[in-house]
Amino acid sequence: TYPNTLKLDDNMLSGDIPQQLGQLSRIRKIYFANN
């Protein structure tokens, strides 16, 4: 409900970025680097 920042960087994540993340209405910064 309330994240302002989501950091998923520097993992081994694969696949697409879920469309549901676009529903994070309060998000201001989001990091997907190095996956």
PDB file of all heavy atoms in Angstrom:
ATOM      1  N   THR A   1       0.785  -1.227   0.000  1.00  0.00           N
ATOM      2  CA  THR A   1       0.000   0.000   0.000  1.00  0.00           C
ATOM      3  C   THR A   1       0.819   1.280   0.000  1.00  0.00           C
ATOM      4  O   THR A   1       0.497   2.218  -0.701  1.00  0.00           O
ATOM      5  CB  THR A   1      -0.940   0.020   1.220  1.00  0.00           C
ATOM      6  OG1 THR A   1      -1.684  -1.198   1.225  1.00  0.00           O
ATOM      7  CG2 THR A   1      -1.908   1.166   1.153  1.00  0.00           C
ATOM      8  N   TYR A   2       1.883   1.344   0.806  1.00  0.00           N
ATOM      9  CA  TYR A   2       2.528   2.632   1.044  1.00  0.00           C
ATOM     10  C   TYR A   2       4.001   2.762   0.671  1.00  0.00           C
ATOM     11  O   TYR A   2       4.640   3.670   1.173  1.00  0.00           O
ATOM     12  CB  TYR A   2       2.385   3.002   2.522  1.00  0.00           C
ATOM     13  CG  TYR A   2       0.953   3.179   2.926  1.00  0.00           C
ATOM     14  CD1 TYR A   2       0.338   2.247   3.741  1.00  0.00           C
ATOM     15  CD2 TYR A   2       0.230   4.272   2.486  1.00  0.00           C
ATOM     16  CE1 TYR A   2      -0.984   2.410   4.118  1.00  0.00           C
ATOM     17  CE2 TYR A   2      -1.090   4.443   2.862  1.00  0.00           C
ATOM     18  CZ  TYR A   2      -1.690   3.504   3.675  1.00  0.00           C
ATOM     19  OH  TYR A   2      -2.992   3.655   4.039  1.00  0.00           O
ATOM     20  N   PRO A   3       4.584   1.931  -0.163  1.00  0.00           N
ATOM     21  CA  PRO A   3       6.016   2.133  -0.416  1.00  0.00           C
ATOM     22  C   PRO A   3       6.271   3.386  -1.263  1.00  0.00           C
ATOM     23  O   PRO A   3       5.567   3.643  -2.228  1.00  0.00           O
ATOM     24  CB  PRO A   3       6.442   0.878  -1.162  1.00  0.00           C
ATOM     25  CG  PRO A   3       5.207   0.410  -1.836  1.00  0.00           C
ATOM     26  CD  PRO A   3       4.077   0.777  -0.907  1.00  0.00           C
ATOM     27  N   ASN A   4       7.270   4.144  -0.849  1.00  0.00           N
ATOM     28  CA  ASN A   4       7.737   5.282  -1.641  1.00  0.00           C
ATOM     29  C   ASN A   4       8.922   4.878  -2.506  1.00  0.00           C
ATOM     30  O   ASN A   4       9.159   5.469  -3.541  1.00  0.00           O
ATOM     31  CB  ASN A   4       8.149   6.440  -0.727  1.00  0.00           C
ATOM     32  CG  ASN A   4       6.967   7.037  -0.015  1.00  0.00           C
ATOM     33  OD1 ASN A   4       5.992   7.399  -0.651  1.00  0.00           O
ATOM     34  ND2 ASN A   4       7.047   7.120   1.288  1.00  0.00           N
ATOM     35  N   THR A   5       9.679   3.882  -2.031  1.00  0.00           N
ATOM     36  CA  THR A   5      10.854   3.391  -2.744  1.00  0.00           C
ATOM     37  C   THR A   5      10.826   1.880  -2.752  1.00  0.00           C
ATOM     38  O   THR A   5      10.543   1.252  -1.733  1.00  0.00           O
ATOM     39  CB  THR A   5      12.145   3.875  -2.052  1.00  0.00           C
ATOM     40  OG1 THR A   5      12.139   5.303  -1.985  1.00  0.00           O
ATOM     41  CG2 THR A   5      13.380   3.407  -2.792  1.00  0.00           C
ATOM     42  N   LEU A   6      11.109   1.287  -3.920  1.00  0.00           N
ATOM     43  CA  LEU A   6      11.229  -0.163  -4.053  1.00  0.00           C
ATOM     44  C   LEU A   6      12.576  -0.458  -4.685  1.00  0.00           C
ATOM     45  O   LEU A   6      12.869  -0.018  -5.791  1.00  0.00           O
ATOM     46  CB  LEU A   6      10.102  -0.727  -4.917  1.00  0.00           C
ATOM     47  CG  LEU A   6      10.154  -2.220  -5.217  1.00  0.00           C
ATOM     48  CD1 LEU A   6      10.102  -3.051  -3.925  1.00  0.00           C
ATOM     49  CD2 LEU A   6       9.018  -2.616  -6.145  1.00  0.00           C
ATOM     50  N   LYS A   7      13.424  -1.183  -3.947  1.00  0.00           N
ATOM     51  CA  LYS A   7      14.767  -1.513  -4.427  1.00  0.00           C
ATOM     52  C   LYS A   7      14.865  -3.020  -4.642  1.00  0.00           C
ATOM     53  O   LYS A   7      14.833  -3.790  -3.692  1.00  0.00           O
ATOM     54  CB  LYS A   7      15.803  -1.037  -3.413  1.00  0.00           C
ATOM     55  CG  LYS A   7      15.793   0.481  -3.217  1.00  0.00           C
ATOM     56  CD  LYS A   7      16.806   0.918  -2.206  1.00  0.00           C
ATOM     57  CE  LYS A   7      18.137   0.993  -2.904  1.00  0.00           C
ATOM     58  NZ  LYS A   7      19.190   1.553  -2.050  1.00  0.00           N
ATOM     59  N   LEU A   8      14.971  -3.418  -5.911  1.00  0.00           N
ATOM     60  CA  LEU A   8      15.133  -4.817  -6.289  1.00  0.00           C
ATOM     61  C   LEU A   8      16.455  -5.025  -7.025  1.00  0.00           C
ATOM     62  O   LEU A   8      16.663  -6.051  -7.658  1.00  0.00           O
ATOM     63  CB  LEU A   8      13.969  -5.256  -7.190  1.00  0.00           C
ATOM     64  CG  LEU A   8      12.576  -5.149  -6.566  1.00  0.00           C
ATOM     65  CD1 LEU A   8      11.512  -5.424  -7.612  1.00  0.00           C
ATOM     66  CD2 LEU A   8      12.452  -6.102  -5.397  1.00  0.00           C
ATOM     67  N   ASP A   9      17.337  -4.063  -6.940  1.00  0.00           N
ATOM     68  CA  ASP A   9      18.581  -4.094  -7.698  1.00  0.00           C
ATOM     69  C   ASP A   9      19.581  -5.107  -7.134  1.00  0.00           C
ATOM     70  O   ASP A   9      19.486  -5.523  -5.988  1.00  0.00           O
ATOM     71  CB  ASP A   9      19.212  -2.695  -7.759  1.00  0.00           C
ATOM     72  CG  ASP A   9      19.330  -2.011  -6.423  1.00  0.00           C
ATOM     73  OD1 ASP A   9      18.366  -2.050  -5.642  1.00  0.00           O
ATOM     74  OD2 ASP A   9      20.395  -1.421  -6.157  1.00  0.00           O
ATOM     75  N   ASP A  10      20.483  -5.504  -7.995  1.00  0.00           N
ATOM     76  CA  ASP A  10      21.591  -6.394  -7.651  1.00  0.00           C
ATOM     77  C   ASP A  10      21.135  -7.735  -7.082  1.00  0.00           C
ATOM     78  O   ASP A  10      21.563  -8.164  -6.008  1.00  0.00           O
ATOM     79  CB  ASP A  10      22.568  -5.691  -6.693  1.00  0.00           C
ATOM     80  CG  ASP A  10      23.240  -4.518  -7.374  1.00  0.00           C
ATOM     81  OD1 ASP A  10      24.096  -4.764  -8.242  1.00  0.00           O
ATOM     82  OD2 ASP A  10      22.882  -3.365  -7.067  1.00  0.00           O
ATOM     83  N   ASN A  11      20.251  -8.383  -7.816  1.00  0.00           N
ATOM     84  CA  ASN A  11      19.823  -9.748  -7.542  1.00  0.00           C
ATOM     85  C   ASN A  11      20.030 -10.549  -8.820  1.00  0.00           C
ATOM     86  O   ASN A  11      20.820 -10.155  -9.671  1.00  0.00           O
ATOM     87  CB  ASN A  11      18.353  -9.762  -7.094  1.00  0.00           C
ATOM     88  CG  ASN A  11      18.179  -9.300  -5.669  1.00  0.00           C
ATOM     89  OD1 ASN A  11      18.625  -9.943  -4.744  1.00  0.00           O
ATOM     90  ND2 ASN A  11      17.527  -8.148  -5.487  1.00  0.00           N
ATOM     91  N   MET A  12      19.332 -11.645  -8.976  1.00  0.00           N
ATOM     92  CA  MET A  12      19.373 -12.445 -10.195  1.00  0.00           C
ATOM     93  C   MET A  12      17.952 -12.661 -10.699  1.00  0.00           C
ATOM     94  O   MET A  12      17.592 -13.737 -11.151  1.00  0.00           O
ATOM     95  CB  MET A  12      20.074 -13.779  -9.913  1.00  0.00           C
ATOM     96  CG  MET A  12      21.536 -13.611  -9.556  1.00  0.00           C
ATOM     97  SD  MET A  12      22.365 -15.160  -9.158  1.00  0.00           S
ATOM     98  CE  MET A  12      21.850 -15.398  -7.467  1.00  0.00           C
ATOM     99  N   LEU A  13      17.124 -11.616 -10.602  1.00  0.00           N
ATOM    100  CA  LEU A  13      15.730 -11.699 -11.010  1.00  0.00           C
ATOM    101  C   LEU A  13      15.631 -11.778 -12.522  1.00  0.00           C
ATOM    102  O   LEU A  13      16.435 -11.187 -13.243  1.00  0.00           O
ATOM    103  CB  LEU A  13      14.970 -10.486 -10.472  1.00  0.00           C
ATOM    104  CG  LEU A  13      14.927 -10.378  -8.948  1.00  0.00           C
ATOM    105  CD1 LEU A  13      14.406  -9.012  -8.524  1.00  0.00           C
ATOM    106  CD2 LEU A  13      14.090 -11.500  -8.359  1.00  0.00           C
ATOM    107  N   SER A  14      14.631 -12.505 -13.017  1.00  0.00           N
ATOM    108  CA  SER A  14      14.452 -12.682 -14.455  1.00  0.00           C
ATOM    109  C   SER A  14      12.975 -12.532 -14.807  1.00  0.00           C
ATOM    110  O   SER A  14      12.121 -12.414 -13.946  1.00  0.00           O
ATOM    111  CB  SER A  14      14.980 -14.048 -14.887  1.00  0.00           C
ATOM    112  OG  SER A  14      14.280 -15.069 -14.201  1.00  0.00           O
ATOM    113  N   GLY A  15      12.699 -12.560 -16.106  1.00  0.00           N
ATOM    114  CA  GLY A  15      11.328 -12.405 -16.573  1.00  0.00           C
ATOM    115  C   GLY A  15      10.961 -10.946 -16.706  1.00  0.00           C
ATOM    116  O   GLY A  15      11.807 -10.058 -16.638  1.00  0.00           O
ATOM    117  N   ASP A  16       9.665 -10.704 -16.900  1.00  0.00           N
ATOM    118  CA  ASP A  16       9.226  -9.325 -17.063  1.00  0.00           C
ATOM    119  C   ASP A  16       8.910  -8.695 -15.709  1.00  0.00           C
ATOM    120  O   ASP A  16       8.846  -9.365 -14.691  1.00  0.00           O
ATOM    121  CB  ASP A  16       8.028  -9.231 -18.008  1.00  0.00           C
ATOM    122  CG  ASP A  16       6.817 -10.006 -17.504  1.00  0.00           C
ATOM    123  OD1 ASP A  16       6.962 -10.874 -16.626  1.00  0.00           O
ATOM    124  OD2 ASP A  16       5.714  -9.729 -17.993  1.00  0.00           O
ATOM    125  N   ILE A  17       8.738  -7.394 -15.733  1.00  0.00           N
ATOM    126  CA  ILE A  17       8.370  -6.650 -14.529  1.00  0.00           C
ATOM    127  C   ILE A  17       6.852  -6.686 -14.449  1.00  0.00           C
ATOM    128  O   ILE A  17       6.178  -6.249 -15.382  1.00  0.00           O
ATOM    129  CB  ILE A  17       8.896  -5.207 -14.602  1.00  0.00           C
ATOM    130  CG1 ILE A  17      10.429  -5.218 -14.699  1.00  0.00           C
ATOM    131  CG2 ILE A  17       8.426  -4.403 -13.403  1.00  0.00           C
ATOM    132  CD1 ILE A  17      11.038  -3.884 -15.052  1.00  0.00           C
ATOM    133  N   PRO A  18       6.286  -7.214 -13.378  1.00  0.00           N
ATOM    134  CA  PRO A  18       4.824  -7.373 -13.307  1.00  0.00           C
ATOM    135  C   PRO A  18       4.078  -6.049 -13.482  1.00  0.00           C
ATOM    136  O   PRO A  18       4.461  -5.027 -12.915  1.00  0.00           O
ATOM    137  CB  PRO A  18       4.589  -7.932 -11.904  1.00  0.00           C
ATOM    138  CG  PRO A  18       5.888  -8.504 -11.477  1.00  0.00           C
ATOM    139  CD  PRO A  18       6.944  -7.697 -12.174  1.00  0.00           C
ATOM    140  N   GLN A  19       3.016  -6.099 -14.262  1.00  0.00           N
ATOM    141  CA  GLN A  19       2.190  -4.918 -14.487  1.00  0.00           C
ATOM    142  C   GLN A  19       1.603  -4.385 -13.185  1.00  0.00           C
ATOM    143  O   GLN A  19       1.344  -3.198 -13.048  1.00  0.00           O
ATOM    144  CB  GLN A  19       1.070  -5.239 -15.486  1.00  0.00           C
ATOM    145  CG  GLN A  19       1.570  -5.587 -16.881  1.00  0.00           C
ATOM    146  CD  GLN A  19       2.337  -4.440 -17.503  1.00  0.00           C
ATOM    147  OE1 GLN A  19       1.882  -3.305 -17.525  1.00  0.00           O
ATOM    148  NE2 GLN A  19       3.537  -4.729 -18.014  1.00  0.00           N
ATOM    149  N   GLN A  20       1.429  -5.237 -12.193  1.00  0.00           N
ATOM    150  CA  GLN A  20       0.867  -4.837 -10.905  1.00  0.00           C
ATOM    151  C   GLN A  20       1.733  -3.787 -10.199  1.00  0.00           C
ATOM    152  O   GLN A  20       1.228  -3.014  -9.398  1.00  0.00           O
ATOM    153  CB  GLN A  20       0.685  -6.053  -9.987  1.00  0.00           C
ATOM    154  CG  GLN A  20      -0.396  -6.997 -10.436  1.00  0.00           C
ATOM    155  CD  GLN A  20       0.076  -8.015 -11.471  1.00  0.00           C
ATOM    156  OE1 GLN A  20       1.114  -7.858 -12.113  1.00  0.00           O
ATOM    157  NE2 GLN A  20      -0.695  -9.071 -11.645  1.00  0.00           N
ATOM    158  N   LEU A  21       3.039  -3.750 -10.492  1.00  0.00           N
ATOM    159  CA  LEU A  21       3.901  -2.749  -9.873  1.00  0.00           C
ATOM    160  C   LEU A  21       3.536  -1.339 -10.337  1.00  0.00           C
ATOM    161  O   LEU A  21       3.818  -0.366  -9.658  1.00  0.00           O
ATOM    162  CB  LEU A  21       5.371  -3.040 -10.139  1.00  0.00           C
ATOM    163  CG  LEU A  21       5.925  -4.312  -9.511  1.00  0.00           C
ATOM    164  CD1 LEU A  21       7.430  -4.398  -9.728  1.00  0.00           C
ATOM    165  CD2 LEU A  21       5.604  -4.415  -8.036  1.00  0.00           C
ATOM    166  N   GLY A  22       2.893  -1.238 -11.476  1.00  0.00           N
ATOM    167  CA  GLY A  22       2.412   0.050 -11.959  1.00  0.00           C
ATOM    168  C   GLY A  22       1.267   0.595 -11.124  1.00  0.00           C
ATOM    169  O   GLY A  22       0.880   1.756 -11.262  1.00  0.00           O
ATOM    170  N   GLN A  23       0.710  -0.219 -10.246  1.00  0.00           N
ATOM    171  CA  GLN A  23      -0.393   0.200  -9.375  1.00  0.00           C
ATOM    172  C   GLN A  23       0.094   0.761  -8.043  1.00  0.00           C
ATOM    173  O   GLN A  23      -0.716   1.117  -7.181  1.00  0.00           O
ATOM    174  CB  GLN A  23      -1.329  -0.977  -9.125  1.00  0.00           C
ATOM    175  CG  GLN A  23      -1.965  -1.502 -10.382  1.00  0.00           C
ATOM    176  CD  GLN A  23      -2.704  -2.803 -10.151  1.00  0.00           C
ATOM    177  OE1 GLN A  23      -2.925  -3.223  -9.025  1.00  0.00           O
ATOM    178  NE2 GLN A  23      -3.083  -3.445 -11.238  1.00  0.00           N
ATOM    179  N   LEU A  24       1.386   0.840  -7.847  1.00  0.00           N
ATOM    180  CA  LEU A  24       1.940   1.400  -6.613  1.00  0.00           C
ATOM    181  C   LEU A  24       1.796   2.918  -6.677  1.00  0.00           C
ATOM    182  O   LEU A  24       2.678   3.620  -7.163  1.00  0.00           O
ATOM    183  CB  LEU A  24       3.400   0.979  -6.440  1.00  0.00           C
ATOM    184  CG  LEU A  24       3.651  -0.512  -6.280  1.00  0.00           C
ATOM    185  CD1 LEU A  24       5.147  -0.817  -6.333  1.00  0.00           C
ATOM    186  CD2 LEU A  24       3.054  -1.014  -4.969  1.00  0.00           C
ATOM    187  N   SER A  25       0.691   3.419  -6.185  1.00  0.00           N
ATOM    188  CA  SER A  25       0.342   4.825  -6.385  1.00  0.00           C
ATOM    189  C   SER A  25       1.251   5.807  -5.658  1.00  0.00           C
ATOM    190  O   SER A  25       1.360   6.958  -6.059  1.00  0.00           O
ATOM    191  CB  SER A  25      -1.104   5.061  -5.964  1.00  0.00           C
ATOM    192  OG  SER A  25      -1.271   4.769  -4.591  1.00  0.00           O
ATOM    193  N   ARG A  26       1.923   5.391  -4.596  1.00  0.00           N
ATOM    194  CA  ARG A  26       2.789   6.301  -3.841  1.00  0.00           C
ATOM    195  C   ARG A  26       4.265   6.166  -4.202  1.00  0.00           C
ATOM    196  O   ARG A  26       5.098   6.886  -3.668  1.00  0.00           O
ATOM    197  CB  ARG A  26       2.629   6.047  -2.344  1.00  0.00           C
ATOM    198  CG  ARG A  26       1.251   6.384  -1.860  1.00  0.00           C
ATOM    199  CD  ARG A  26       1.125   6.044  -0.393  1.00  0.00           C
ATOM    200  NE  ARG A  26      -0.200   6.336   0.077  1.00  0.00           N
ATOM    201  CZ  ARG A  26      -0.470   7.202   1.027  1.00  0.00           C
ATOM    202  NH1 ARG A  26       0.494   7.859   1.616  1.00  0.00           N
ATOM    203  NH2 ARG A  26      -1.711   7.406   1.405  1.00  0.00           N
ATOM    204  N   ILE A  27       4.594   5.262  -5.111  1.00  0.00           N
ATOM    205  CA  ILE A  27       5.996   4.991  -5.435  1.00  0.00           C
ATOM    206  C   ILE A  27       6.630   6.223  -6.092  1.00  0.00           C
ATOM    207  O   ILE A  27       6.010   6.881  -6.919  1.00  0.00           O
ATOM    208  CB  ILE A  27       6.135   3.737  -6.324  1.00  0.00           C
ATOM    209  CG1 ILE A  27       7.536   3.165  -6.262  1.00  0.00           C
ATOM    210  CG2 ILE A  27       5.718   3.989  -7.761  1.00  0.00           C
ATOM    211  CD1 ILE A  27       7.808   2.378  -5.045  1.00  0.00           C
ATOM    212  N   ARG A  28       7.850   6.553  -5.668  1.00  0.00           N
ATOM    213  CA  ARG A  28       8.585   7.685  -6.239  1.00  0.00           C
ATOM    214  C   ARG A  28       9.916   7.251  -6.830  1.00  0.00           C
ATOM    215  O   ARG A  28      10.420   7.890  -7.742  1.00  0.00           O
ATOM    216  CB  ARG A  28       8.832   8.762  -5.170  1.00  0.00           C
ATOM    217  CG  ARG A  28       7.559   9.380  -4.636  1.00  0.00           C
ATOM    218  CD  ARG A  28       6.795  10.131  -5.735  1.00  0.00           C
ATOM    219  NE  ARG A  28       5.491  10.558  -5.281  1.00  0.00           N
ATOM    220  CZ  ARG A  28       4.342   9.959  -5.601  1.00  0.00           C
ATOM    221  NH1 ARG A  28       4.320   8.913  -6.391  1.00  0.00           N
ATOM    222  NH2 ARG A  28       3.192  10.415  -5.150  1.00  0.00           N
ATOM    223  N   LYS A  29      10.493   6.173  -6.300  1.00  0.00           N
ATOM    224  CA  LYS A  29      11.766   5.658  -6.816  1.00  0.00           C
ATOM    225  C   LYS A  29      11.669   4.148  -6.856  1.00  0.00           C
ATOM    226  O   LYS A  29      11.194   3.512  -5.921  1.00  0.00           O
ATOM    227  CB  LYS A  29      12.928   6.060  -5.905  1.00  0.00           C
ATOM    228  CG  LYS A  29      13.146   7.547  -5.808  1.00  0.00           C
ATOM    229  CD  LYS A  29      14.271   7.872  -4.859  1.00  0.00           C
ATOM    230  CE  LYS A  29      14.424   9.376  -4.719  1.00  0.00           C
ATOM    231  NZ  LYS A  29      15.460   9.714  -3.735  1.00  0.00           N
ATOM    232  N   ILE A  30      12.164   3.570  -7.972  1.00  0.00           N
ATOM    233  CA  ILE A  30      12.133   2.121  -8.124  1.00  0.00           C
ATOM    234  C   ILE A  30      13.398   1.690  -8.865  1.00  0.00           C
ATOM    235  O   ILE A  30      13.788   2.301  -9.857  1.00  0.00           O
ATOM    236  CB  ILE A  30      10.831   1.670  -8.820  1.00  0.00           C
ATOM    237  CG1 ILE A  30      10.634   0.178  -8.729  1.00  0.00           C
ATOM    238  CG2 ILE A  30      10.728   2.184 -10.218  1.00  0.00           C
ATOM    239  CD1 ILE A  30       9.215  -0.270  -9.011  1.00  0.00           C
ATOM    240  N   TYR A  31      14.062   0.687  -8.331  1.00  0.00           N
ATOM    241  CA  TYR A  31      15.372   0.266  -8.835  1.00  0.00           C
ATOM    242  C   TYR A  31      15.322  -1.197  -9.264  1.00  0.00           C
ATOM    243  O   TYR A  31      15.022  -2.078  -8.460  1.00  0.00           O
ATOM    244  CB  TYR A  31      16.435   0.440  -7.741  1.00  0.00           C
ATOM    245  CG  TYR A  31      16.553   1.859  -7.253  1.00  0.00           C
ATOM    246  CD1 TYR A  31      15.802   2.315  -6.184  1.00  0.00           C
ATOM    247  CD2 TYR A  31      17.418   2.743  -7.892  1.00  0.00           C
ATOM    248  CE1 TYR A  31      15.909   3.626  -5.747  1.00  0.00           C
ATOM    249  CE2 TYR A  31      17.526   4.057  -7.464  1.00  0.00           C
ATOM    250  CZ  TYR A  31      16.762   4.490  -6.384  1.00  0.00           C
ATOM    251  OH  TYR A  31      16.864   5.794  -5.955  1.00  0.00           O
ATOM    252  N   PHE A  32      15.646  -1.454 -10.541  1.00  0.00           N
ATOM    253  CA  PHE A  32      15.702  -2.798 -11.102  1.00  0.00           C
ATOM    254  C   PHE A  32      17.098  -3.159 -11.588  1.00  0.00           C
ATOM    255  O   PHE A  32      17.291  -4.201 -12.200  1.00  0.00           O
ATOM    256  CB  PHE A  32      14.755  -2.910 -12.304  1.00  0.00           C
ATOM    257  CG  PHE A  32      13.311  -2.649 -11.994  1.00  0.00           C
ATOM    258  CD1 PHE A  32      12.688  -1.511 -12.456  1.00  0.00           C
ATOM    259  CD2 PHE A  32      12.575  -3.565 -11.263  1.00  0.00           C
ATOM    260  CE1 PHE A  32      11.354  -1.271 -12.189  1.00  0.00           C
ATOM    261  CE2 PHE A  32      11.244  -3.333 -10.991  1.00  0.00           C
ATOM    262  CZ  PHE A  32      10.627  -2.187 -11.453  1.00  0.00           C
ATOM    263  N   ALA A  33      18.084  -2.341 -11.344  1.00  0.00           N
ATOM    264  CA  ALA A  33      19.426  -2.496 -11.923  1.00  0.00           C
ATOM    265  C   ALA A  33      20.062  -3.836 -11.572  1.00  0.00           C
ATOM    266  O   ALA A  33      19.814  -4.413 -10.519  1.00  0.00           O
ATOM    267  CB  ALA A  33      20.334  -1.369 -11.445  1.00  0.00           C
ATOM    268  N   ASN A  34      20.891  -4.304 -12.496  1.00  0.00           N
ATOM    269  CA  ASN A  34      21.737  -5.483 -12.291  1.00  0.00           C
ATOM    270  C   ASN A  34      20.947  -6.751 -11.992  1.00  0.00           C
ATOM    271  O   ASN A  34      21.169  -7.437 -10.998  1.00  0.00           O
ATOM    272  CB  ASN A  34      22.777  -5.206 -11.188  1.00  0.00           C
ATOM    273  CG  ASN A  34      23.616  -4.001 -11.503  1.00  0.00           C
ATOM    274  OD1 ASN A  34      24.115  -3.855 -12.610  1.00  0.00           O
ATOM    275  ND2 ASN A  34      23.743  -3.102 -10.556  1.00  0.00           N
ATOM    276  N   ASN A  35      20.009  -7.047 -12.879  1.00  0.00           N
ATOM    277  CA  ASN A  35      19.241  -8.286 -12.862  1.00  0.00           C
ATOM    278  C   ASN A  35      19.221  -8.841 -14.275  1.00  0.00           C
ATOM    279  O   ASN A  35      20.050  -8.461 -15.103  1.00  0.00           O
ATOM    280  CB  ASN A  35      17.815  -8.005 -12.355  1.00  0.00           C
ATOM    281  CG  ASN A  35      17.757  -7.817 -10.854  1.00  0.00           C
ATOM    282  OD1 ASN A  35      17.947  -8.762 -10.100  1.00  0.00           O
ATOM    283  ND2 ASN A  35      17.499  -6.590 -10.414  1.00  0.00           N
TER     284      ASN A  35
END
